[in-house]
PDB file of all heavy atoms in Angstrom:
ATOM      1  N   ASN A   1     106.184 105.547  90.015  1.00  0.00           N
ATOM      2  CA  ASN A   1     107.407 105.398  89.381  1.00  0.00           C
ATOM      3  C   ASN A   1     107.009 105.170  87.910  1.00  0.00           C
ATOM      4  O   ASN A   1     107.039 104.087  87.421  1.00  0.00           O
ATOM      5  CB  ASN A   1     108.158 104.290  89.906  1.00  0.00           C
ATOM      6  CG  ASN A   1     109.573 104.115  89.244  1.00  0.00           C
ATOM      7  OD1 ASN A   1     110.031 104.989  88.568  1.00  0.00           O
ATOM      8  ND2 ASN A   1     110.214 102.983  89.422  1.00  0.00           N
ATOM      9  N   PRO A   2     106.597 106.288  87.227  1.00  0.00           N
ATOM     10  CA  PRO A   2     105.915 106.195  85.921  1.00  0.00           C
ATOM     11  C   PRO A   2     106.666 105.229  85.002  1.00  0.00           C
ATOM     12  O   PRO A   2     107.896 105.199  84.955  1.00  0.00           O
ATOM     13  CB  PRO A   2     106.008 107.620  85.359  1.00  0.00           C
ATOM     14  CG  PRO A   2     106.051 108.488  86.609  1.00  0.00           C
ATOM     15  CD  PRO A   2     106.872 107.708  87.602  1.00  0.00           C
ATOM     16  N   PRO A   3     105.846 104.291  84.370  1.00  0.00           N
ATOM     17  CA  PRO A   3     104.364 104.366  84.354  1.00  0.00           C
ATOM     18  C   PRO A   3     103.702 103.567  85.554  1.00  0.00           C
ATOM     19  O   PRO A   3     102.506 103.479  85.556  1.00  0.00           O
ATOM     20  CB  PRO A   3     104.067 103.576  83.066  1.00  0.00           C
ATOM     21  CG  PRO A   3     105.209 102.595  82.957  1.00  0.00           C
ATOM     22  CD  PRO A   3     106.424 103.302  83.444  1.00  0.00           C
ATOM     23  N   LYS A   4     104.518 103.076  86.422  1.00  0.00           N
ATOM     24  CA  LYS A   4     103.947 102.299  87.551  1.00  0.00           C
ATOM     25  C   LYS A   4     103.294 103.270  88.536  1.00  0.00           C
ATOM     26  O   LYS A   4     103.813 104.313  88.821  1.00  0.00           O
ATOM     27  CB  LYS A   4     105.045 101.500  88.315  1.00  0.00           C
ATOM     28  CG  LYS A   4     105.620 100.311  87.492  1.00  0.00           C
ATOM     29  CD  LYS A   4     106.662  99.573  88.302  1.00  0.00           C
ATOM     30  CE  LYS A   4     107.204  98.385  87.545  1.00  0.00           C
ATOM     31  NZ  LYS A   4     108.161  97.647  88.276  1.00  0.00           N
ATOM     32  N   LYS A   5     102.153 102.814  89.092  1.00  0.00           N
ATOM     33  CA  LYS A   5     101.404 103.533  90.061  1.00  0.00           C
ATOM     34  C   LYS A   5     101.241 102.717  91.316  1.00  0.00           C
ATOM     35  O   LYS A   5     100.897 101.541  91.225  1.00  0.00           O
ATOM     36  CB  LYS A   5     100.076 104.070  89.530  1.00  0.00           C
ATOM     37  CG  LYS A   5     100.189 104.955  88.362  1.00  0.00           C
ATOM     38  CD  LYS A   5      98.789 105.482  87.917  1.00  0.00           C
ATOM     39  CE  LYS A   5      98.905 106.390  86.729  1.00  0.00           C
ATOM     40  NZ  LYS A   5      97.548 106.814  86.238  1.00  0.00           N
ATOM     41  N   TYR A   6     101.349 103.337  92.477  1.00  0.00           N
ATOM     42  CA  TYR A   6     101.176 102.630  93.736  1.00  0.00           C
ATOM     43  C   TYR A   6     100.097 103.428  94.539  1.00  0.00           C
ATOM     44  O   TYR A   6     100.408 104.150  95.455  1.00  0.00           O
ATOM     45  CB  TYR A   6     102.460 102.604  94.546  1.00  0.00           C
ATOM     46  CG  TYR A   6     103.582 101.922  93.747  1.00  0.00           C
ATOM     47  CD1 TYR A   6     104.525 102.716  92.972  1.00  0.00           C
ATOM     48  CD2 TYR A   6     103.849 100.581  93.753  1.00  0.00           C
ATOM     49  CE1 TYR A   6     105.517 102.090  92.258  1.00  0.00           C
ATOM     50  CE2 TYR A   6     104.869  99.968  93.063  1.00  0.00           C
ATOM     51  CZ  TYR A   6     105.731 100.718  92.307  1.00  0.00           C
ATOM     52  OH  TYR A   6     106.716 100.171  91.585  1.00  0.00           O
ATOM     53  N   GLN A   7      98.839 103.146  94.039  1.00  0.00           N
ATOM     54  CA  GLN A   7      97.743 103.938  94.742  1.00  0.00           C
ATOM     55  C   GLN A   7      97.577 103.610  96.167  1.00  0.00           C
ATOM     56  O   GLN A   7      96.937 104.388  96.915  1.00  0.00           O
ATOM     57  CB  GLN A   7      96.476 103.628  93.954  1.00  0.00           C
ATOM     58  CG  GLN A   7      96.472 104.070  92.502  1.00  0.00           C
ATOM     59  CD  GLN A   7      96.896 102.944  91.527  1.00  0.00           C
ATOM     60  OE1 GLN A   7      97.697 102.050  91.922  1.00  0.00           O
ATOM     61  NE2 GLN A   7      96.440 103.070  90.243  1.00  0.00           N
ATOM     62  N   ASP A   8      98.099 102.509  96.639  1.00  0.00           N
ATOM     63  CA  ASP A   8      97.976 102.071  98.033  1.00  0.00           C
ATOM     64  C   ASP A   8      99.092 102.647  98.931  1.00  0.00           C
ATOM     65  O   ASP A   8      99.090 102.323 100.135  1.00  0.00           O
ATOM     66  CB  ASP A   8      97.922 100.549  98.155  1.00  0.00           C
ATOM     67  CG  ASP A   8      99.138  99.867  97.589  1.00  0.00           C
ATOM     68  OD1 ASP A   8      99.812 100.432  96.749  1.00  0.00           O
ATOM     69  OD2 ASP A   8      99.329  98.675  97.949  1.00  0.00           O
ATOM     70  N   ILE A   9      99.963 103.470  98.380  1.00  0.00           N
ATOM     71  CA  ILE A   9     101.084 103.960  99.153  1.00  0.00           C
ATOM     72  C   ILE A   9     101.188 105.500  98.940  1.00  0.00           C
ATOM     73  O   ILE A   9     101.054 105.993  97.906  1.00  0.00           O
ATOM     74  CB  ILE A   9     102.432 103.269  98.700  1.00  0.00           C
ATOM     75  CG1 ILE A   9     102.361 101.797  99.141  1.00  0.00           C
ATOM     76  CG2 ILE A   9     103.584 103.957  99.345  1.00  0.00           C
ATOM     77  CD1 ILE A   9     103.545 101.009  98.614  1.00  0.00           C
ATOM     78  N   VAL A  10     101.488 106.144 100.014  1.00  0.00           N
ATOM     79  CA  VAL A  10     101.789 107.588 100.079  1.00  0.00           C
ATOM     80  C   VAL A  10     103.144 107.868 100.648  1.00  0.00           C
ATOM     81  O   VAL A  10     103.517 107.251 101.657  1.00  0.00           O
ATOM     82  CB  VAL A  10     100.710 108.390 100.899  1.00  0.00           C
ATOM     83  CG1 VAL A  10     100.987 109.868 100.916  1.00  0.00           C
ATOM     84  CG2 VAL A  10      99.276 108.124 100.391  1.00  0.00           C
ATOM     85  N   ASN A  11     103.910 108.641  99.926  1.00  0.00           N
ATOM     86  CA  ASN A  11     105.347 108.915 100.391  1.00  0.00           C
ATOM     87  C   ASN A  11     105.321 110.064 101.385  1.00  0.00           C
ATOM     88  O   ASN A  11     104.534 110.934 101.319  1.00  0.00           O
ATOM     89  CB  ASN A  11     106.200 109.232  99.212  1.00  0.00           C
ATOM     90  CG  ASN A  11     106.526 108.036  98.289  1.00  0.00           C
ATOM     91  OD1 ASN A  11     106.632 106.892  98.818  1.00  0.00           O
ATOM     92  ND2 ASN A  11     106.663 108.211  97.071  1.00  0.00           N
ATOM     93  N   PHE A  12     106.271 109.934 102.276  1.00  0.00           N
ATOM     94  CA  PHE A  12     106.557 111.146 103.176  1.00  0.00           C
ATOM     95  C   PHE A  12     107.117 112.274 102.349  1.00  0.00           C
ATOM     96  O   PHE A  12     107.851 112.094 101.404  1.00  0.00           O
ATOM     97  CB  PHE A  12     107.511 110.715 104.328  1.00  0.00           C
ATOM     98  CG  PHE A  12     106.964 109.810 105.289  1.00  0.00           C
ATOM     99  CD1 PHE A  12     107.335 108.440 105.340  1.00  0.00           C
ATOM    100  CD2 PHE A  12     105.998 110.229 106.237  1.00  0.00           C
ATOM    101  CE1 PHE A  12     106.802 107.612 106.290  1.00  0.00           C
ATOM    102  CE2 PHE A  12     105.550 109.386 107.203  1.00  0.00           C
ATOM    103  CZ  PHE A  12     105.869 108.075 107.197  1.00  0.00           C
ATOM    104  N   TYR A  13     106.698 113.470 102.765  1.00  0.00           N
ATOM    105  CA  TYR A  13     107.170 114.685 102.050  1.00  0.00           C
ATOM    106  C   TYR A  13     108.343 115.252 102.778  1.00  0.00           C
ATOM    107  O   TYR A  13     108.182 115.966 103.783  1.00  0.00           O
ATOM    108  CB  TYR A  13     106.016 115.664 101.986  1.00  0.00           C
ATOM    109  CG  TYR A  13     106.298 116.954 101.279  1.00  0.00           C
ATOM    110  CD1 TYR A  13     106.887 116.958 100.027  1.00  0.00           C
ATOM    111  CD2 TYR A  13     105.903 118.161 101.828  1.00  0.00           C
ATOM    112  CE1 TYR A  13     107.193 118.079  99.359  1.00  0.00           C
ATOM    113  CE2 TYR A  13     106.145 119.392 101.110  1.00  0.00           C
ATOM    114  CZ  TYR A  13     106.759 119.324  99.895  1.00  0.00           C
ATOM    115  OH  TYR A  13     107.049 120.516  99.231  1.00  0.00           O
ATOM    116  N   PHE A  14     109.524 114.855 102.384  1.00  0.00           N
ATOM    117  CA  PHE A  14     110.741 115.234 103.118  1.00  0.00           C
ATOM    118  C   PHE A  14     111.112 116.684 102.982  1.00  0.00           C
ATOM    119  O   PHE A  14     111.963 117.202 103.670  1.00  0.00           O
ATOM    120  CB  PHE A  14     111.916 114.270 102.670  1.00  0.00           C
ATOM    121  CG  PHE A  14     111.958 112.949 103.350  1.00  0.00           C
ATOM    122  CD1 PHE A  14     111.306 111.891 102.823  1.00  0.00           C
ATOM    123  CD2 PHE A  14     112.604 112.825 104.579  1.00  0.00           C
ATOM    124  CE1 PHE A  14     111.294 110.676 103.387  1.00  0.00           C
ATOM    125  CE2 PHE A  14     112.606 111.544 105.180  1.00  0.00           C
ATOM    126  CZ  PHE A  14     111.976 110.444 104.606  1.00  0.00           C
ATOM    127  N   GLU A  15     110.417 117.409 102.068  1.00  0.00           N
ATOM    128  CA  GLU A  15     110.673 118.836 101.849  1.00  0.00           C
ATOM    129  C   GLU A  15     109.782 119.661 102.820  1.00  0.00           C
ATOM    130  O   GLU A  15     109.851 120.894 102.788  1.00  0.00           O
ATOM    131  CB  GLU A  15     110.452 119.280 100.446  1.00  0.00           C
ATOM    132  CG  GLU A  15     111.490 118.786  99.452  1.00  0.00           C
ATOM    133  CD  GLU A  15     111.262 117.313  99.007  1.00  0.00           C
ATOM    134  OE1 GLU A  15     110.222 116.710  99.474  1.00  0.00           O
ATOM    135  OE2 GLU A  15     112.050 116.778  98.268  1.00  0.00           O
ATOM    136  N   THR A  16     108.955 119.017 103.588  1.00  0.00           N
ATOM    137  CA  THR A  16     108.142 119.657 104.552  1.00  0.00           C
ATOM    138  C   THR A  16     108.893 120.617 105.466  1.00  0.00           C
ATOM    139  O   THR A  16     110.011 120.354 105.863  1.00  0.00           O
ATOM    140  CB  THR A  16     107.295 118.724 105.385  1.00  0.00           C
ATOM    141  OG1 THR A  16     106.527 119.467 106.288  1.00  0.00           O
ATOM    142  CG2 THR A  16     108.204 117.693 106.133  1.00  0.00           C
ATOM    143  N   LYS A  17     108.315 121.787 105.844  1.00  0.00           N
ATOM    144  CA  LYS A  17     108.969 122.634 106.886  1.00  0.00           C
ATOM    145  C   LYS A  17     109.076 121.976 108.177  1.00  0.00           C
ATOM    146  O   LYS A  17     109.972 122.393 108.995  1.00  0.00           O
ATOM    147  CB  LYS A  17     108.148 123.902 106.971  1.00  0.00           C
ATOM    148  CG  LYS A  17     108.133 124.773 105.720  1.00  0.00           C
ATOM    149  CD  LYS A  17     107.350 126.109 105.880  1.00  0.00           C
ATOM    150  CE  LYS A  17     107.378 126.916 104.627  1.00  0.00           C
ATOM    151  NZ  LYS A  17     106.540 128.127 104.790  1.00  0.00           N
ATOM    152  N   ALA A  18     108.240 120.939 108.407  1.00  0.00           N
ATOM    153  CA  ALA A  18     108.340 120.172 109.664  1.00  0.00           C
ATOM    154  C   ALA A  18     109.229 119.004 109.547  1.00  0.00           C
ATOM    155  O   ALA A  18     109.044 117.976 110.207  1.00  0.00           O
ATOM    156  CB  ALA A  18     106.995 119.763 110.112  1.00  0.00           C
ATOM    157  N   TYR A  19     110.310 119.099 108.755  1.00  0.00           N
ATOM    158  CA  TYR A  19     111.162 117.958 108.457  1.00  0.00           C
ATOM    159  C   TYR A  19     111.823 117.463 109.700  1.00  0.00           C
ATOM    160  O   TYR A  19     112.139 116.314 109.860  1.00  0.00           O
ATOM    161  CB  TYR A  19     112.134 118.321 107.442  1.00  0.00           C
ATOM    162  CG  TYR A  19     113.326 119.160 107.816  1.00  0.00           C
ATOM    163  CD1 TYR A  19     114.487 118.591 108.191  1.00  0.00           C
ATOM    164  CD2 TYR A  19     113.217 120.477 107.818  1.00  0.00           C
ATOM    165  CE1 TYR A  19     115.625 119.409 108.594  1.00  0.00           C
ATOM    166  CE2 TYR A  19     114.269 121.298 108.187  1.00  0.00           C
ATOM    167  CZ  TYR A  19     115.446 120.750 108.614  1.00  0.00           C
ATOM    168  OH  TYR A  19     116.531 121.560 108.977  1.00  0.00           O
ATOM    169  N   LYS A  20     112.178 118.329 110.674  1.00  0.00           N
ATOM    170  CA  LYS A  20     112.869 117.940 111.878  1.00  0.00           C
ATOM    171  C   LYS A  20     112.017 116.970 112.686  1.00  0.00           C
ATOM    172  O   LYS A  20     112.495 115.938 113.163  1.00  0.00           O
ATOM    173  CB  LYS A  20     113.288 119.119 112.699  1.00  0.00           C
ATOM    174  CG  LYS A  20     114.393 120.013 112.079  1.00  0.00           C
ATOM    175  CD  LYS A  20     114.819 121.085 113.022  1.00  0.00           C
ATOM    176  CE  LYS A  20     115.893 121.954 112.391  1.00  0.00           C
ATOM    177  NZ  LYS A  20     116.273 123.099 113.223  1.00  0.00           N
ATOM    178  N   GLU A  21     110.751 117.294 112.859  1.00  0.00           N
ATOM    179  CA  GLU A  21     109.823 116.455 113.550  1.00  0.00           C
ATOM    180  C   GLU A  21     109.640 115.165 112.839  1.00  0.00           C
ATOM    181  O   GLU A  21     109.568 114.094 113.439  1.00  0.00           O
ATOM    182  CB  GLU A  21     108.499 117.170 113.698  1.00  0.00           C
ATOM    183  CG  GLU A  21     108.459 118.380 114.652  1.00  0.00           C
ATOM    184  CD  GLU A  21     109.016 119.656 113.959  1.00  0.00           C
ATOM    185  OE1 GLU A  21     109.282 119.621 112.718  1.00  0.00           O
ATOM    186  OE2 GLU A  21     109.110 120.665 114.670  1.00  0.00           O
ATOM    187  N   LEU A  22     109.576 115.169 111.493  1.00  0.00           N
ATOM    188  CA  LEU A  22     109.386 113.947 110.719  1.00  0.00           C
ATOM    189  C   LEU A  22     110.664 113.059 110.904  1.00  0.00           C
ATOM    190  O   LEU A  22     110.543 111.847 111.154  1.00  0.00           O
ATOM    191  CB  LEU A  22     109.287 114.362 109.227  1.00  0.00           C
ATOM    192  CG  LEU A  22     109.302 113.121 108.198  1.00  0.00           C
ATOM    193  CD1 LEU A  22     108.208 112.123 108.511  1.00  0.00           C
ATOM    194  CD2 LEU A  22     109.252 113.620 106.788  1.00  0.00           C
ATOM    195  N   TRP A  23     111.834 113.629 110.789  1.00  0.00           N
ATOM    196  CA  TRP A  23     113.094 112.829 110.959  1.00  0.00           C
ATOM    197  C   TRP A  23     113.073 112.195 112.383  1.00  0.00           C
ATOM    198  O   TRP A  23     113.387 111.003 112.458  1.00  0.00           O
ATOM    199  CB  TRP A  23     114.276 113.675 110.823  1.00  0.00           C
ATOM    200  CG  TRP A  23     114.583 114.092 109.384  1.00  0.00           C
ATOM    201  CD1 TRP A  23     113.782 114.284 108.359  1.00  0.00           C
ATOM    202  CD2 TRP A  23     115.960 114.446 108.841  1.00  0.00           C
ATOM    203  NE1 TRP A  23     114.415 114.638 107.240  1.00  0.00           N
ATOM    204  CE2 TRP A  23     115.733 114.782 107.503  1.00  0.00           C
ATOM    205  CE3 TRP A  23     117.124 114.533 109.428  1.00  0.00           C
ATOM    206  CZ2 TRP A  23     116.789 115.174 106.684  1.00  0.00           C
ATOM    207  CZ3 TRP A  23     118.239 114.928 108.638  1.00  0.00           C
ATOM    208  CH2 TRP A  23     118.069 115.261 107.306  1.00  0.00           C
ATOM    209  N   GLU A  24     112.749 112.979 113.340  1.00  0.00           N
ATOM    210  CA  GLU A  24     112.821 112.446 114.748  1.00  0.00           C
ATOM    211  C   GLU A  24     111.815 111.290 114.869  1.00  0.00           C
ATOM    212  O   GLU A  24     112.073 110.301 115.564  1.00  0.00           O
ATOM    213  CB  GLU A  24     112.448 113.577 115.773  1.00  0.00           C
ATOM    214  CG  GLU A  24     113.591 114.587 115.893  1.00  0.00           C
ATOM    215  CD  GLU A  24     114.830 114.085 116.579  1.00  0.00           C
ATOM    216  OE1 GLU A  24     114.783 112.976 117.158  1.00  0.00           O
ATOM    217  OE2 GLU A  24     115.881 114.819 116.602  1.00  0.00           O
ATOM    218  N   GLU A  25     110.651 111.435 114.286  1.00  0.00           N
ATOM    219  CA  GLU A  25     109.654 110.392 114.419  1.00  0.00           C
ATOM    220  C   GLU A  25     110.114 109.100 113.764  1.00  0.00           C
ATOM    221  O   GLU A  25     109.972 107.941 114.272  1.00  0.00           O
ATOM    222  CB  GLU A  25     108.280 110.798 113.820  1.00  0.00           C
ATOM    223  CG  GLU A  25     107.261 109.721 113.803  1.00  0.00           C
ATOM    224  CD  GLU A  25     106.867 109.181 115.181  1.00  0.00           C
ATOM    225  OE1 GLU A  25     107.106 109.843 116.232  1.00  0.00           O
ATOM    226  OE2 GLU A  25     106.240 108.045 115.223  1.00  0.00           O
ATOM    227  N   LEU A  26     110.705 109.188 112.581  1.00  0.00           N
ATOM    228  CA  LEU A  26     111.221 108.048 111.846  1.00  0.00           C
ATOM    229  C   LEU A  26     112.380 107.432 112.568  1.00  0.00           C
ATOM    230  O   LEU A  26     112.455 106.140 112.617  1.00  0.00           O
ATOM    231  CB  LEU A  26     111.614 108.430 110.398  1.00  0.00           C
ATOM    232  CG  LEU A  26     110.442 109.003 109.513  1.00  0.00           C
ATOM    233  CD1 LEU A  26     110.966 109.278 108.133  1.00  0.00           C
ATOM    234  CD2 LEU A  26     109.289 107.940 109.448  1.00  0.00           C
ATOM    235  N   LEU A  27     113.188 108.183 113.223  1.00  0.00           N
ATOM    236  CA  LEU A  27     114.240 107.632 114.083  1.00  0.00           C
ATOM    237  C   LEU A  27     113.620 106.879 115.242  1.00  0.00           C
ATOM    238  O   LEU A  27     114.113 105.690 115.586  1.00  0.00           O
ATOM    239  CB  LEU A  27     115.173 108.747 114.603  1.00  0.00           C
ATOM    240  CG  LEU A  27     116.163 108.304 115.683  1.00  0.00           C
ATOM    241  CD1 LEU A  27     117.163 107.323 115.162  1.00  0.00           C
ATOM    242  CD2 LEU A  27     116.906 109.590 116.180  1.00  0.00           C
ATOM    243  N   SER A  28     112.543 107.415 115.806  1.00  0.00           N
ATOM    244  CA  SER A  28     111.895 106.726 116.940  1.00  0.00           C
ATOM    245  C   SER A  28     111.303 105.384 116.443  1.00  0.00           C
ATOM    246  O   SER A  28     111.196 104.449 117.277  1.00  0.00           O
ATOM    247  CB  SER A  28     110.827 107.595 117.536  1.00  0.00           C
ATOM    248  OG  SER A  28     109.667 107.632 116.779  1.00  0.00           O
ATOM    249  N   VAL A  29     110.902 105.269 115.226  1.00  0.00           N
ATOM    250  CA  VAL A  29     110.429 103.968 114.699  1.00  0.00           C
ATOM    251  C   VAL A  29     111.463 102.891 114.696  1.00  0.00           C
ATOM    252  O   VAL A  29     111.376 101.799 115.249  1.00  0.00           O
ATOM    253  CB  VAL A  29     109.814 104.158 113.221  1.00  0.00           C
ATOM    254  CG1 VAL A  29     109.614 102.787 112.657  1.00  0.00           C
ATOM    255  CG2 VAL A  29     108.600 104.991 113.275  1.00  0.00           C
ATOM    256  N   ALA A  30     112.692 103.336 114.207  1.00  0.00           N
ATOM    257  CA  ALA A  30     113.767 102.360 114.202  1.00  0.00           C
ATOM    258  C   ALA A  30     114.171 101.953 115.618  1.00  0.00           C
ATOM    259  O   ALA A  30     114.373 100.788 115.874  1.00  0.00           O
ATOM    260  CB  ALA A  30     114.977 103.001 113.444  1.00  0.00           C
ATOM    261  N   LEU A  31     114.207 102.974 116.464  1.00  0.00           N
ATOM    262  CA  LEU A  31     114.669 102.671 117.885  1.00  0.00           C
ATOM    263  C   LEU A  31     113.681 101.839 118.531  1.00  0.00           C
ATOM    264  O   LEU A  31     114.013 101.011 119.466  1.00  0.00           O
ATOM    265  CB  LEU A  31     114.928 103.969 118.646  1.00  0.00           C
ATOM    266  CG  LEU A  31     116.135 104.798 118.114  1.00  0.00           C
ATOM    267  CD1 LEU A  31     116.241 106.076 118.897  1.00  0.00           C
ATOM    268  CD2 LEU A  31     117.426 103.963 118.382  1.00  0.00           C
ATOM    269  N   HIS A  32     112.364 101.979 118.259  1.00  0.00           N
ATOM    270  CA  HIS A  32     111.322 101.135 118.829  1.00  0.00           C
ATOM    271  C   HIS A  32     111.618  99.689 118.614  1.00  0.00           C
ATOM    272  O   HIS A  32     111.509  98.844 119.557  1.00  0.00           O
ATOM    273  CB  HIS A  32     109.937 101.482 118.323  1.00  0.00           C
ATOM    274  CG  HIS A  32     108.813 100.617 118.782  1.00  0.00           C
ATOM    275  ND1 HIS A  32     108.211 100.811 119.965  1.00  0.00           N
ATOM    276  CD2 HIS A  32     108.238  99.561 118.246  1.00  0.00           C
ATOM    277  CE1 HIS A  32     107.256  99.867 120.189  1.00  0.00           C
ATOM    278  NE2 HIS A  32     107.323  99.072 119.072  1.00  0.00           N
ATOM    279  N   TRP A  33     111.885  99.346 117.383  1.00  0.00           N
ATOM    280  CA  TRP A  33     112.163  97.932 117.069  1.00  0.00           C
ATOM    281  C   TRP A  33     113.521  97.437 117.548  1.00  0.00           C
ATOM    282  O   TRP A  33     113.704  96.245 117.878  1.00  0.00           O
ATOM    283  CB  TRP A  33     112.007  97.701 115.598  1.00  0.00           C
ATOM    284  CG  TRP A  33     110.521  98.046 115.185  1.00  0.00           C
ATOM    285  CD1 TRP A  33     110.128  99.060 114.431  1.00  0.00           C
ATOM    286  CD2 TRP A  33     109.355  97.335 115.622  1.00  0.00           C
ATOM    287  NE1 TRP A  33     108.737  99.063 114.313  1.00  0.00           N
ATOM    288  CE2 TRP A  33     108.271  98.008 115.009  1.00  0.00           C
ATOM    289  CE3 TRP A  33     109.220  96.205 116.401  1.00  0.00           C
ATOM    290  CZ2 TRP A  33     106.968  97.602 115.204  1.00  0.00           C
ATOM    291  CZ3 TRP A  33     107.832  95.763 116.519  1.00  0.00           C
ATOM    292  CH2 TRP A  33     106.752  96.441 116.001  1.00  0.00           C
ATOM    293  N   VAL A  34     114.509  98.294 117.621  1.00  0.00           N
ATOM    294  CA  VAL A  34     115.749  97.956 118.224  1.00  0.00           C
ATOM    295  C   VAL A  34     115.573  97.548 119.663  1.00  0.00           C
ATOM    296  O   VAL A  34     116.111  96.539 120.142  1.00  0.00           O
ATOM    297  CB  VAL A  34     116.763  99.084 118.107  1.00  0.00           C
ATOM    298  CG1 VAL A  34     118.042  98.834 118.891  1.00  0.00           C
ATOM    299  CG2 VAL A  34     117.222  99.350 116.675  1.00  0.00           C
ATOM    300  N   ASN A  35     114.742  98.333 120.357  1.00  0.00           N
ATOM    301  CA  ASN A  35     114.424  98.035 121.791  1.00  0.00           C
ATOM    302  C   ASN A  35     113.624  96.730 121.930  1.00  0.00           C
ATOM    303  O   ASN A  35     113.606  96.200 123.042  1.00  0.00           O
ATOM    304  CB  ASN A  35     113.710  99.208 122.430  1.00  0.00           C
ATOM    305  CG  ASN A  35     114.548 100.405 122.503  1.00  0.00           C
ATOM    306  OD1 ASN A  35     115.808 100.344 122.727  1.00  0.00           O
ATOM    307  ND2 ASN A  35     113.992 101.595 122.512  1.00  0.00           N
TER     308      ASN A  35
END
């Protein structure tokens, strides 16, 4: 977030062609903790 740098963090690439799989996995994270 220029000029700030977060070298210890990598963002998910939501423009990936595999976005459906990414979305489903992140949903499963939320549901894991709900359970």
